[in-house]
PDB file of N, CA and C in Angstrom:
ATOM      1  N   MET A   1      47.496  78.564  73.119  1.00  0.00           N
ATOM      2  CA  MET A   1      48.230  79.553  73.898  1.00  0.00           C
ATOM      3  C   MET A   1      49.683  79.587  73.421  1.00  0.00           C
ATOM      4  N   PRO A   2      50.221  80.768  73.164  1.00  0.00           N
ATOM      5  CA  PRO A   2      51.589  80.851  72.649  1.00  0.00           C
ATOM      6  C   PRO A   2      52.621  80.475  73.717  1.00  0.00           C
ATOM      7  N   ARG A   3      53.742  79.993  73.235  1.00  0.00           N
ATOM      8  CA  ARG A   3      54.826  79.591  74.115  1.00  0.00           C
ATOM      9  C   ARG A   3      55.532  80.839  74.657  1.00  0.00           C
ATOM     10  N   ALA A   4      55.729  80.867  75.971  1.00  0.00           N
ATOM     11  CA  ALA A   4      56.403  82.016  76.582  1.00  0.00           C
ATOM     12  C   ALA A   4      57.913  81.808  76.508  1.00  0.00           C
ATOM     13  N   LYS A   5      58.575  82.670  75.759  1.00  0.00           N
ATOM     14  CA  LYS A   5      60.025  82.581  75.644  1.00  0.00           C
ATOM     15  C   LYS A   5      60.660  83.496  76.694  1.00  0.00           C
ATOM     16  N   GLY A   6      61.962  83.346  76.855  1.00  0.00           N
ATOM     17  CA  GLY A   6      62.665  84.228  77.788  1.00  0.00           C
ATOM     18  C   GLY A   6      62.723  85.629  77.203  1.00  0.00           C
ATOM     19  N   GLY A   7      61.972  86.519  77.784  1.00  0.00           N
ATOM     20  CA  GLY A   7      61.889  87.860  77.240  1.00  0.00           C
ATOM     21  C   GLY A   7      62.838  88.831  77.914  1.00  0.00           C
ATOM     22  N   PHE A   8      62.423  90.070  77.963  1.00  0.00           N
ATOM     23  CA  PHE A   8      63.254  91.173  78.450  1.00  0.00           C
ATOM     24  C   PHE A   8      63.722  90.948  79.890  1.00  0.00           C
ATOM     25  N   LYS A   9      62.804  90.603  80.768  1.00  0.00           N
ATOM     26  CA  LYS A   9      63.144  90.448  82.188  1.00  0.00           C
ATOM     27  C   LYS A   9      64.118  89.287  82.414  1.00  0.00           C
ATOM     28  N   THR A  10      63.896  88.200  81.699  1.00  0.00           N
ATOM     29  CA  THR A  10      64.787  87.044  81.849  1.00  0.00           C
ATOM     30  C   THR A  10      66.193  87.395  81.372  1.00  0.00           C
ATOM     31  N   ARG A  11      66.262  88.054  80.230  1.00  0.00           N
ATOM     32  CA  ARG A  11      67.564  88.452  79.686  1.00  0.00           C
ATOM     33  C   ARG A  11      68.267  89.432  80.636  1.00  0.00           C
ATOM     34  N   GLN A  12      67.479  90.340  81.194  1.00  0.00           N
ATOM     35  CA  GLN A  12      68.027  91.330  82.129  1.00  0.00           C
ATOM     36  C   GLN A  12      68.614  90.636  83.365  1.00  0.00           C
ATOM     37  N   ARG A  13      67.866  89.659  83.875  1.00  0.00           N
ATOM     38  CA  ARG A  13      68.313  88.935  85.072  1.00  0.00           C
ATOM     39  C   ARG A  13      69.603  88.156  84.785  1.00  0.00           C
ATOM     40  N   ARG A  14      69.668  87.524  83.618  1.00  0.00           N
ATOM     41  CA  ARG A  14      70.855  86.752  83.261  1.00  0.00           C
ATOM     42  C   ARG A  14      72.060  87.658  83.021  1.00  0.00           C
ATOM     43  N   LYS A  15      71.834  88.782  82.388  1.00  0.00           N
ATOM     44  CA  LYS A  15      72.936  89.720  82.117  1.00  0.00           C
ATOM     45  C   LYS A  15      73.533  90.258  83.418  1.00  0.00           C
ATOM     46  N   LYS A  16      72.687  90.398  84.440  1.00  0.00           N
ATOM     47  CA  LYS A  16      73.155  90.879  85.731  1.00  0.00           C
ATOM     48  C   LYS A  16      74.208  89.919  86.305  1.00  0.00           C
ATOM     49  N   TRP A  17      73.939  88.609  86.238  1.00  0.00           N
ATOM     50  CA  TRP A  17      74.880  87.626  86.759  1.00  0.00           C
ATOM     51  C   TRP A  17      76.123  87.530  85.889  1.00  0.00           C
ATOM     52  N   LEU A  18      75.949  87.640  84.569  1.00  0.00           N
ATOM     53  CA  LEU A  18      77.102  87.574  83.671  1.00  0.00           C
ATOM     54  C   LEU A  18      78.013  88.788  83.871  1.00  0.00           C
ATOM     55  N   LYS A  19      77.408  89.934  84.139  1.00  0.00           N
ATOM     56  CA  LYS A  19      78.206  91.139  84.395  1.00  0.00           C
ATOM     57  C   LYS A  19      79.001  90.979  85.696  1.00  0.00           C
ATOM     58  N   LEU A  20      78.370  90.358  86.703  1.00  0.00           N
ATOM     59  CA  LEU A  20      79.036  90.137  87.981  1.00  0.00           C
ATOM     60  C   LEU A  20      80.231  89.191  87.817  1.00  0.00           C
ATOM     61  N   ALA A  21      80.112  88.240  86.872  1.00  0.00           N
ATOM     62  CA  ALA A  21      81.154  87.232  86.684  1.00  0.00           C
ATOM     63  C   ALA A  21      82.226  87.684  85.693  1.00  0.00           C
ATOM     64  N   LYS A  22      82.212  88.945  85.320  1.00  0.00           N
ATOM     65  CA  LYS A  22      83.206  89.467  84.382  1.00  0.00           C
ATOM     66  C   LYS A  22      84.599  89.333  84.993  1.00  0.00           C
ATOM     67  N   GLY A  23      85.526  88.826  84.209  1.00  0.00           N
ATOM     68  CA  GLY A  23      86.887  88.652  84.687  1.00  0.00           C
ATOM     69  C   GLY A  23      87.178  87.268  85.215  1.00  0.00           C
ATOM     70  N   PHE A  24      86.160  86.423  85.372  1.00  0.00           N
ATOM     71  CA  PHE A  24      86.384  85.055  85.806  1.00  0.00           C
ATOM     72  C   PHE A  24      86.919  84.240  84.637  1.00  0.00           C
ATOM     73  N   ARG A  25      87.570  83.120  84.916  1.00  0.00           N
ATOM     74  CA  ARG A  25      88.211  82.327  83.871  1.00  0.00           C
ATOM     75  C   ARG A  25      87.296  81.221  83.358  1.00  0.00           C
ATOM     76  N   GLY A  26      87.547  80.820  82.128  1.00  0.00           N
ATOM     77  CA  GLY A  26      86.835  79.687  81.531  1.00  0.00           C
ATOM     78  C   GLY A  26      85.367  79.982  81.308  1.00  0.00           C
ATOM     79  N   VAL A  27      84.541  78.936  81.507  1.00  0.00           N
ATOM     80  CA  VAL A  27      83.103  79.107  81.283  1.00  0.00           C
ATOM     81  C   VAL A  27      82.457  79.934  82.381  1.00  0.00           C
ATOM     82  N   ASN A  28      83.192  80.160  83.463  1.00  0.00           N
ATOM     83  CA  ASN A  28      82.619  80.877  84.599  1.00  0.00           C
ATOM     84  C   ASN A  28      82.175  82.294  84.268  1.00  0.00           C
ATOM     85  N   HIS A  29      82.677  82.873  83.195  1.00  0.00           N
ATOM     86  CA  HIS A  29      82.263  84.225  82.843  1.00  0.00           C
ATOM     87  C   HIS A  29      81.298  84.268  81.661  1.00  0.00           C
ATOM     88  N   SER A  30      81.084  83.122  81.017  1.00  0.00           N
ATOM     89  CA  SER A  30      80.277  83.168  79.797  1.00  0.00           C
ATOM     90  C   SER A  30      79.022  82.301  79.850  1.00  0.00           C
ATOM     91  N   VAL A  31      79.008  81.254  80.643  1.00  0.00           N
ATOM     92  CA  VAL A  31      77.846  80.369  80.735  1.00  0.00           C
ATOM     93  C   VAL A  31      77.020  80.806  81.943  1.00  0.00           C
ATOM     94  N   TYR A  32      75.739  81.080  81.703  1.00  0.00           N
ATOM     95  CA  TYR A  32      74.892  81.667  82.740  1.00  0.00           C
ATOM     96  C   TYR A  32      74.868  80.831  84.013  1.00  0.00           C
ATOM     97  N   LYS A  33      74.658  79.526  83.880  1.00  0.00           N
ATOM     98  CA  LYS A  33      74.523  78.672  85.062  1.00  0.00           C
ATOM     99  C   LYS A  33      75.798  78.716  85.921  1.00  0.00           C
ATOM    100  N   LYS A  34      76.944  78.582  85.276  1.00  0.00           N
ATOM    101  CA  LYS A  34      78.205  78.620  86.014  1.00  0.00           C
ATOM    102  C   LYS A  34      78.472  80.023  86.571  1.00  0.00           C
ATOM    103  N   ALA A  35      78.131  81.041  85.774  1.00  0.00           N
ATOM    104  CA  ALA A  35      78.348  82.421  86.212  1.00  0.00           C
ATOM    105  C   ALA A  35      77.538  82.708  87.469  1.00  0.00           C
ATOM    106  N   ARG A  36      76.328  82.192  87.519  1.00  0.00           N
ATOM    107  CA  ARG A  36      75.498  82.418  88.694  1.00  0.00           C
ATOM    108  C   ARG A  36      76.067  81.694  89.908  1.00  0.00           C
ATOM    109  N   GLU A  37      76.510  80.450  89.704  1.00  0.00           N
ATOM    110  CA  GLU A  37      77.078  79.679  90.817  1.00  0.00           C
ATOM    111  C   GLU A  37      78.301  80.375  91.407  1.00  0.00           C
ATOM    112  N   VAL A  38      79.242  80.742  90.536  1.00  0.00           N
ATOM    113  CA  VAL A  38      80.460  81.369  91.047  1.00  0.00           C
ATOM    114  C   VAL A  38      80.190  82.791  91.534  1.00  0.00           C
ATOM    115  N   GLY A  39      79.200  83.447  90.949  1.00  0.00           N
ATOM    116  CA  GLY A  39      78.825  84.789  91.390  1.00  0.00           C
ATOM    117  C   GLY A  39      78.263  84.776  92.794  1.00  0.00           C
ATOM    118  N   GLU A  40      77.391  83.818  93.072  1.00  0.00           N
ATOM    119  CA  GLU A  40      76.816  83.702  94.417  1.00  0.00           C
ATOM    120  C   GLU A  40      77.903  83.374  95.435  1.00  0.00           C
ATOM    121  N   ARG A  41      78.804  82.486  95.031  1.00  0.00           N
ATOM    122  CA  ARG A  41      79.898  82.117  95.932  1.00  0.00           C
ATOM    123  C   ARG A  41      80.797  83.322  96.199  1.00  0.00           C
ATOM    124  N   SER A  42      81.066  84.102  95.151  1.00  0.00           N
ATOM    125  CA  SER A  42      81.941  85.262  95.331  1.00  0.00           C
ATOM    126  C   SER A  42      81.299  86.299  96.246  1.00  0.00           C
ATOM    127  N   LEU A  43      79.997  86.469  96.145  1.00  0.00           N
ATOM    128  CA  LEU A  43      79.311  87.417  97.028  1.00  0.00           C
ATOM    129  C   LEU A  43      79.358  86.939  98.478  1.00  0.00           C
ATOM    130  N   ALA A  44      79.254  85.626  98.669  1.00  0.00           N
ATOM    131  CA  ALA A  44      79.340  85.071 100.022  1.00  0.00           C
ATOM    132  C   ALA A  44      80.734  85.290 100.593  1.00  0.00           C
ATOM    133  N   HIS A  45      81.761  85.061  99.769  1.00  0.00           N
ATOM    134  CA  HIS A  45      83.137  85.273 100.224  1.00  0.00           C
ATOM    135  C   HIS A  45      83.383  86.749 100.513  1.00  0.00           C
ATOM    136  N   ALA A  46      82.810  87.617  99.705  1.00  0.00           N
ATOM    137  CA  ALA A  46      82.998  89.058  99.913  1.00  0.00           C
ATOM    138  C   ALA A  46      82.380  89.497 101.234  1.00  0.00           C
ATOM    139  N   TYR A  47      81.211  88.965 101.550  1.00  0.00           N
ATOM    140  CA  TYR A  47      80.533  89.291 102.809  1.00  0.00           C
ATOM    141  C   TYR A  47      81.386  88.839 103.985  1.00  0.00           C
ATOM    142  N   ARG A  48      81.873  87.598 103.895  1.00  0.00           N
ATOM    143  CA  ARG A  48      82.704  87.056 104.959  1.00  0.00           C
ATOM    144  C   ARG A  48      84.014  87.832 105.078  1.00  0.00           C
ATOM    145  N   GLY A  49      84.564  88.224 103.923  1.00  0.00           N
ATOM    146  CA  GLY A  49      85.827  88.943 103.908  1.00  0.00           C
ATOM    147  C   GLY A  49      85.743  90.306 104.567  1.00  0.00           C
ATOM    148  N   ARG A  50      84.595  90.957 104.438  1.00  0.00           N
ATOM    149  CA  ARG A  50      84.433  92.273 105.088  1.00  0.00           C
ATOM    150  C   ARG A  50      84.474  92.140 106.603  1.00  0.00           C
ATOM    151  N   LYS A  51      83.986  91.024 107.122  1.00  0.00           N
ATOM    152  CA  LYS A  51      84.048  90.791 108.569  1.00  0.00           C
ATOM    153  C   LYS A  51      85.471  90.419 108.990  1.00  0.00           C
ATOM    154  N   GLN A  52      86.134  89.597 108.158  1.00  0.00           N
ATOM    155  CA  GLN A  52      87.489  89.156 108.488  1.00  0.00           C
ATOM    156  C   GLN A  52      88.473  90.321 108.486  1.00  0.00           C
ATOM    157  N   LYS A  53      88.258  91.282 107.586  1.00  0.00           N
ATOM    158  CA  LYS A  53      89.163  92.418 107.480  1.00  0.00           C
ATOM    159  C   LYS A  53      89.231  93.182 108.801  1.00  0.00           C
ATOM    160  N   LYS A  54      88.087  93.340 109.449  1.00  0.00           N
ATOM    161  CA  LYS A  54      88.041  94.051 110.724  1.00  0.00           C
ATOM    162  C   LYS A  54      88.846  93.306 111.784  1.00  0.00           C
ATOM    163  N   ARG A  55      88.686  91.956 111.812  1.00  0.00           N
ATOM    164  CA  ARG A  55      89.436  91.158 112.781  1.00  0.00           C
ATOM    165  C   ARG A  55      90.928  91.227 112.507  1.00  0.00           C
ATOM    166  N   ASP A  56      91.293  91.121 111.228  1.00  0.00           N
ATOM    167  CA  ASP A  56      92.708  91.099 110.857  1.00  0.00           C
ATOM    168  C   ASP A  56      93.404  92.405 111.228  1.00  0.00           C
ATOM    169  N   PHE A  57      92.737  93.531 110.966  1.00  0.00           N
ATOM    170  CA  PHE A  57      93.359  94.813 111.294  1.00  0.00           C
ATOM    171  C   PHE A  57      93.496  94.999 112.794  1.00  0.00           C
ATOM    172  N   ARG A  58      92.497  94.572 113.561  1.00  0.00           N
ATOM    173  CA  ARG A  58      92.598  94.687 115.024  1.00  0.00           C
ATOM    174  C   ARG A  58      93.777  93.863 115.536  1.00  0.00           C
ATOM    175  N   ARG A  59      93.954  92.649 114.988  1.00  0.00           N
ATOM    176  CA  ARG A  59      95.095  91.813 115.381  1.00  0.00           C
ATOM    177  C   ARG A  59      96.418  92.494 115.048  1.00  0.00           C
ATOM    178  N   LEU A  60      96.483  93.117 113.872  1.00  0.00           N
ATOM    179  CA  LEU A  60      97.707  93.818 113.453  1.00  0.00           C
ATOM    180  C   LEU A  60      98.023  94.968 114.410  1.00  0.00           C
ATOM    181  N   TRP A  61      96.992  95.745 114.760  1.00  0.00           N
ATOM    182  CA  TRP A  61      97.204  96.867 115.671  1.00  0.00           C
ATOM    183  C   TRP A  61      97.722  96.369 117.018  1.00  0.00           C
ATOM    184  N   ILE A  62      97.150  95.276 117.512  1.00  0.00           N
ATOM    185  CA  ILE A  62      97.555  94.739 118.814  1.00  0.00           C
ATOM    186  C   ILE A  62      99.003  94.267 118.771  1.00  0.00           C
ATOM    187  N   VAL A  63      99.385  93.609 117.680  1.00  0.00           N
ATOM    188  CA  VAL A  63     100.774  93.144 117.540  1.00  0.00           C
ATOM    189  C   VAL A  63     101.730  94.323 117.534  1.00  0.00           C
ATOM    190  N   ARG A  64     101.377  95.382 116.813  1.00  0.00           N
ATOM    191  CA  ARG A  64     102.246  96.567 116.754  1.00  0.00           C
ATOM    192  C   ARG A  64     102.374  97.240 118.117  1.00  0.00           C
ATOM    193  N   ILE A  65     101.243  97.373 118.814  1.00  0.00           N
ATOM    194  CA  ILE A  65     101.261  98.016 120.140  1.00  0.00           C
ATOM    195  C   ILE A  65     102.101  97.178 121.103  1.00  0.00           C
ATOM    196  N   ASN A  66     101.934  95.871 121.050  1.00  0.00           N
ATOM    197  CA  ASN A  66     102.682  94.976 121.938  1.00  0.00           C
ATOM    198  C   ASN A  66     104.183  95.091 121.688  1.00  0.00           C
ATOM    199  N   ALA A  67     104.569  95.118 120.409  1.00  0.00           N
ATOM    200  CA  ALA A  67     105.997  95.227 120.078  1.00  0.00           C
ATOM    201  C   ALA A  67     106.578  96.545 120.589  1.00  0.00           C
ATOM    202  N   ALA A  68     105.819  97.623 120.406  1.00  0.00           N
ATOM    203  CA  ALA A  68     106.301  98.932 120.853  1.00  0.00           C
ATOM    204  C   ALA A  68     106.327  99.014 122.378  1.00  0.00           C
ATOM    205  N   ALA A  69     105.326  98.425 123.038  1.00  0.00           N
ATOM    206  CA  ALA A  69     105.260  98.483 124.503  1.00  0.00           C
ATOM    207  C   ALA A  69     106.399  97.693 125.125  1.00  0.00           C
ATOM    208  N   ARG A  70     106.747  96.559 124.538  1.00  0.00           N
ATOM    209  CA  ARG A  70     107.822  95.736 125.089  1.00  0.00           C
ATOM    210  C   ARG A  70     109.184  96.422 125.004  1.00  0.00           C
ATOM    211  N   GLN A  71     109.350  97.339 124.058  1.00  0.00           N
ATOM    212  CA  GLN A  71     110.600  98.103 123.985  1.00  0.00           C
ATOM    213  C   GLN A  71     110.753  99.021 125.197  1.00  0.00           C
ATOM    214  N   HIS A  72     109.624  99.315 125.843  1.00  0.00           N
ATOM    215  CA  HIS A  72     109.646 100.197 127.019  1.00  0.00           C
ATOM    216  C   HIS A  72     109.367  99.426 128.311  1.00  0.00           C
ATOM    217  N   GLY A  73     109.493  98.093 128.252  1.00  0.00           N
ATOM    218  CA  GLY A  73     109.388  97.275 129.461  1.00  0.00           C
ATOM    219  C   GLY A  73     107.972  96.978 129.915  1.00  0.00           C
ATOM    220  N   LEU A  74     107.003  97.084 129.054  1.00  0.00           N
ATOM    221  CA  LEU A  74     105.616  96.759 129.395  1.00  0.00           C
ATOM    222  C   LEU A  74     105.081  95.731 128.405  1.00  0.00           C
ATOM    223  N   SER A  75     104.100  94.969 128.843  1.00  0.00           N
ATOM    224  CA  SER A  75     103.409  94.093 127.896  1.00  0.00           C
ATOM    225  C   SER A  75     102.168  94.840 127.393  1.00  0.00           C
ATOM    226  N   TYR A  76     101.567  94.287 126.366  1.00  0.00           N
ATOM    227  CA  TYR A  76     100.378  94.908 125.778  1.00  0.00           C
ATOM    228  C   TYR A  76      99.257  95.029 126.811  1.00  0.00           C
ATOM    229  N   SER A  77      98.999  93.932 127.532  1.00  0.00           N
ATOM    230  CA  SER A  77      97.882  93.940 128.481  1.00  0.00           C
ATOM    231  C   SER A  77      98.102  94.930 129.614  1.00  0.00           C
ATOM    232  N   LYS A  78      99.359  95.018 130.082  1.00  0.00           N
ATOM    233  CA  LYS A  78      99.668  95.981 131.163  1.00  0.00           C
ATOM    234  C   LYS A  78      99.481  97.411 130.667  1.00  0.00           C
ATOM    235  N   LEU A  79      99.925  97.677 129.437  1.00  0.00           N
ATOM    236  CA  LEU A  79      99.787  99.020 128.867  1.00  0.00           C
ATOM    237  C   LEU A  79      98.311  99.407 128.753  1.00  0.00           C
ATOM    238  N   ILE A  80      97.488  98.505 128.234  1.00  0.00           N
ATOM    239  CA  ILE A  80      96.059  98.792 128.063  1.00  0.00           C
ATOM    240  C   ILE A  80      95.390  99.013 129.425  1.00  0.00           C
ATOM    241  N   SER A  81      95.757  98.187 130.418  1.00  0.00           N
ATOM    242  CA  SER A  81      95.150  98.366 131.746  1.00  0.00           C
ATOM    243  C   SER A  81      95.576  99.685 132.379  1.00  0.00           C
ATOM    244  N   LEU A  82      96.845 100.083 132.174  1.00  0.00           N
ATOM    245  CA  LEU A  82      97.309 101.375 132.701  1.00  0.00           C
ATOM    246  C   LEU A  82      96.608 102.544 132.008  1.00  0.00           C
ATOM    247  N   LEU A  83      96.396 102.407 130.704  1.00  0.00           N
ATOM    248  CA  LEU A  83      95.676 103.464 129.980  1.00  0.00           C
ATOM    249  C   LEU A  83      94.258 103.617 130.520  1.00  0.00           C
ATOM    250  N   LYS A  84      93.598 102.475 130.775  1.00  0.00           N
ATOM    251  CA  LYS A  84      92.228 102.531 131.308  1.00  0.00           C
ATOM    252  C   LYS A  84      92.204 103.109 132.723  1.00  0.00           C
ATOM    253  N   LYS A  85      93.208 102.723 133.519  1.00  0.00           N
ATOM    254  CA  LYS A  85      93.289 103.201 134.896  1.00  0.00           C
ATOM    255  C   LYS A  85      93.491 104.714 134.954  1.00  0.00           C
ATOM    256  N   ASN A  86      94.248 105.243 133.987  1.00  0.00           N
ATOM    257  CA  ASN A  86      94.511 106.686 133.929  1.00  0.00           C
ATOM    258  C   ASN A  86      93.485 107.448 133.097  1.00  0.00           C
ATOM    259  N   ASN A  87      92.411 106.779 132.715  1.00  0.00           N
ATOM    260  CA  ASN A  87      91.314 107.384 131.932  1.00  0.00           C
ATOM    261  C   ASN A  87      91.796 108.008 130.625  1.00  0.00           C
ATOM    262  N   ILE A  88      92.734 107.343 129.980  1.00  0.00           N
ATOM    263  CA  ILE A  88      93.189 107.788 128.661  1.00  0.00           C
ATOM    264  C   ILE A  88      92.474 106.925 127.630  1.00  0.00           C
ATOM    265  N   GLU A  89      91.536 107.532 126.930  1.00  0.00           N
ATOM    266  CA  GLU A  89      90.749 106.791 125.946  1.00  0.00           C
ATOM    267  C   GLU A  89      91.337 107.009 124.560  1.00  0.00           C
ATOM    268  N   ILE A  90      92.127 106.040 124.130  1.00  0.00           N
ATOM    269  CA  ILE A  90      92.700 106.077 122.788  1.00  0.00           C
ATOM    270  C   ILE A  90      92.494 104.686 122.197  1.00  0.00           C
ATOM    271  N   ASP A  91      91.952 104.633 120.992  1.00  0.00           N
ATOM    272  CA  ASP A  91      91.658 103.324 120.415  1.00  0.00           C
ATOM    273  C   ASP A  91      92.929 102.675 119.882  1.00  0.00           C
ATOM    274  N   ARG A  92      92.827 101.386 119.615  1.00  0.00           N
ATOM    275  CA  ARG A  92      94.001 100.611 119.231  1.00  0.00           C
ATOM    276  C   ARG A  92      94.571 101.054 117.884  1.00  0.00           C
ATOM    277  N   LYS A  93      93.719 101.494 116.994  1.00  0.00           N
ATOM    278  CA  LYS A  93      94.194 101.956 115.680  1.00  0.00           C
ATOM    279  C   LYS A  93      95.094 103.177 115.858  1.00  0.00           C
ATOM    280  N   ALA A  94      94.623 104.157 116.625  1.00  0.00           N
ATOM    281  CA  ALA A  94      95.390 105.385 116.840  1.00  0.00           C
ATOM    282  C   ALA A  94      96.668 105.091 117.625  1.00  0.00           C
ATOM    283  N   LEU A  95      96.571 104.194 118.607  1.00  0.00           N
ATOM    284  CA  LEU A  95      97.737 103.837 119.411  1.00  0.00           C
ATOM    285  C   LEU A  95      98.794 103.148 118.555  1.00  0.00           C
ATOM    286  N   SER A  96      98.338 102.309 117.639  1.00  0.00           N
ATOM    287  CA  SER A  96      99.244 101.619 116.722  1.00  0.00           C
ATOM    288  C   SER A  96      99.932 102.606 115.785  1.00  0.00           C
ATOM    289  N   GLU A  97      99.171 103.549 115.247  1.00  0.00           N
ATOM    290  CA  GLU A  97      99.745 104.574 114.373  1.00  0.00           C
ATOM    291  C   GLU A  97     100.793 105.402 115.134  1.00  0.00           C
ATOM    292  N   LEU A  98     100.473 105.712 116.382  1.00  0.00           N
ATOM    293  CA  LEU A  98     101.397 106.468 117.221  1.00  0.00           C
ATOM    294  C   LEU A  98     102.692 105.687 117.435  1.00  0.00           C
ATOM    295  N   ALA A  99     102.556 104.389 117.703  1.00  0.00           N
ATOM    296  CA  ALA A  99     103.735 103.549 117.961  1.00  0.00           C
ATOM    297  C   ALA A  99     104.613 103.416 116.730  1.00  0.00           C
ATOM    298  N   VAL A 100     103.999 103.353 115.539  1.00  0.00           N
ATOM    299  CA  VAL A 100     104.773 103.147 114.312  1.00  0.00           C
ATOM    300  C   VAL A 100     105.353 104.460 113.796  1.00  0.00           C
ATOM    301  N   ASN A 101     104.535 105.503 113.736  1.00  0.00           N
ATOM    302  CA  ASN A 101     104.956 106.751 113.084  1.00  0.00           C
ATOM    303  C   ASN A 101     105.613 107.759 114.019  1.00  0.00           C
ATOM    304  N   ASN A 102     105.218 107.765 115.297  1.00  0.00           N
ATOM    305  CA  ASN A 102     105.781 108.724 116.264  1.00  0.00           C
ATOM    306  C   ASN A 102     106.245 107.991 117.519  1.00  0.00           C
ATOM    307  N   PRO A 103     107.357 107.273 117.447  1.00  0.00           N
ATOM    308  CA  PRO A 103     107.785 106.507 118.625  1.00  0.00           C
ATOM    309  C   PRO A 103     108.124 107.375 119.834  1.00  0.00           C
ATOM    310  N   GLU A 104     108.550 108.643 119.586  1.00  0.00           N
ATOM    311  CA  GLU A 104     108.874 109.516 120.728  1.00  0.00           C
ATOM    312  C   GLU A 104     107.614 109.843 121.531  1.00  0.00           C
ATOM    313  N   GLU A 105     106.526 110.160 120.821  1.00  0.00           N
ATOM    314  CA  GLU A 105     105.268 110.472 121.505  1.00  0.00           C
ATOM    315  C   GLU A 105     104.709 109.236 122.199  1.00  0.00           C
ATOM    316  N   PHE A 106     104.891 108.069 121.589  1.00  0.00           N
ATOM    317  CA  PHE A 106     104.437 106.822 122.218  1.00  0.00           C
ATOM    318  C   PHE A 106     105.214 106.592 123.509  1.00  0.00           C
ATOM    319  N   GLU A 107     106.518 106.874 123.464  1.00  0.00           N
ATOM    320  CA  GLU A 107     107.350 106.709 124.653  1.00  0.00           C
ATOM    321  C   GLU A 107     106.890 107.644 125.769  1.00  0.00           C
ATOM    322  N   GLN A 108     106.555 108.899 125.423  1.00  0.00           N
ATOM    323  CA  GLN A 108     106.045 109.848 126.416  1.00  0.00           C
ATOM    324  C   GLN A 108     104.742 109.351 127.029  1.00  0.00           C
ATOM    325  N   LEU A 109     103.876 108.780 126.199  1.00  0.00           N
ATOM    326  CA  LEU A 109     102.600 108.242 126.683  1.00  0.00           C
ATOM    327  C   LEU A 109     102.836 107.100 127.656  1.00  0.00           C
ATOM    328  N   VAL A 110     103.782 106.204 127.316  1.00  0.00           N
ATOM    329  CA  VAL A 110     104.092 105.075 128.185  1.00  0.00           C
ATOM    330  C   VAL A 110     104.642 105.574 129.520  1.00  0.00           C
ATOM    331  N   LYS A 111     105.522 106.563 129.463  1.00  0.00           N
ATOM    332  CA  LYS A 111     106.100 107.113 130.707  1.00  0.00           C
ATOM    333  C   LYS A 111     105.015 107.786 131.559  1.00  0.00           C
ATOM    334  N   GLN A 112     104.085 108.455 130.889  1.00  0.00           N
ATOM    335  CA  GLN A 112     103.013 109.148 131.598  1.00  0.00           C
ATOM    336  C   GLN A 112     102.120 108.160 132.350  1.00  0.00           C
ATOM    337  N   VAL A 113     101.762 107.041 131.714  1.00  0.00           N
ATOM    338  CA  VAL A 113     100.861 106.090 132.368  1.00  0.00           C
ATOM    339  C   VAL A 113     101.584 105.222 133.397  1.00  0.00           C
ATOM    340  N   SER A 114     102.874 104.969 133.193  1.00  0.00           N
ATOM    341  CA  SER A 114     103.589 104.105 134.131  1.00  0.00           C
ATOM    342  C   SER A 114     104.113 104.869 135.348  1.00  0.00           C
ATOM    343  N   ALA A 115     104.081 106.198 135.283  1.00  0.00           N
ATOM    344  CA  ALA A 115     104.566 107.002 136.419  1.00  0.00           C
ATOM    345  C   ALA A 115     103.562 107.045 137.539  1.00  0.00           C
TER     346      ALA A 115
END
């Protein structure tokens, strides 16, 4: 029985990992075994990073809203509770953009809910 060498499919599978490891330093981009190890790790970090990005942006929006609300004598939690009480449904991203880019409109919103 002839010896089975690494044929088309094996080469294809290895090239996939080497392509993924393009741009890595040292043997990590050229040696298949190392390329696969660092490639798998990078995919795991990328997956985790996509979840972290959502948390990080929400934290940033909250910090911005809190800073803007305190300029008008309210805390973040009081502002959010007043918005809910007045049935104003605006998400934190939009509220943060309003506070940073249009402080006059944010001030009007704060006056409207606190009145």
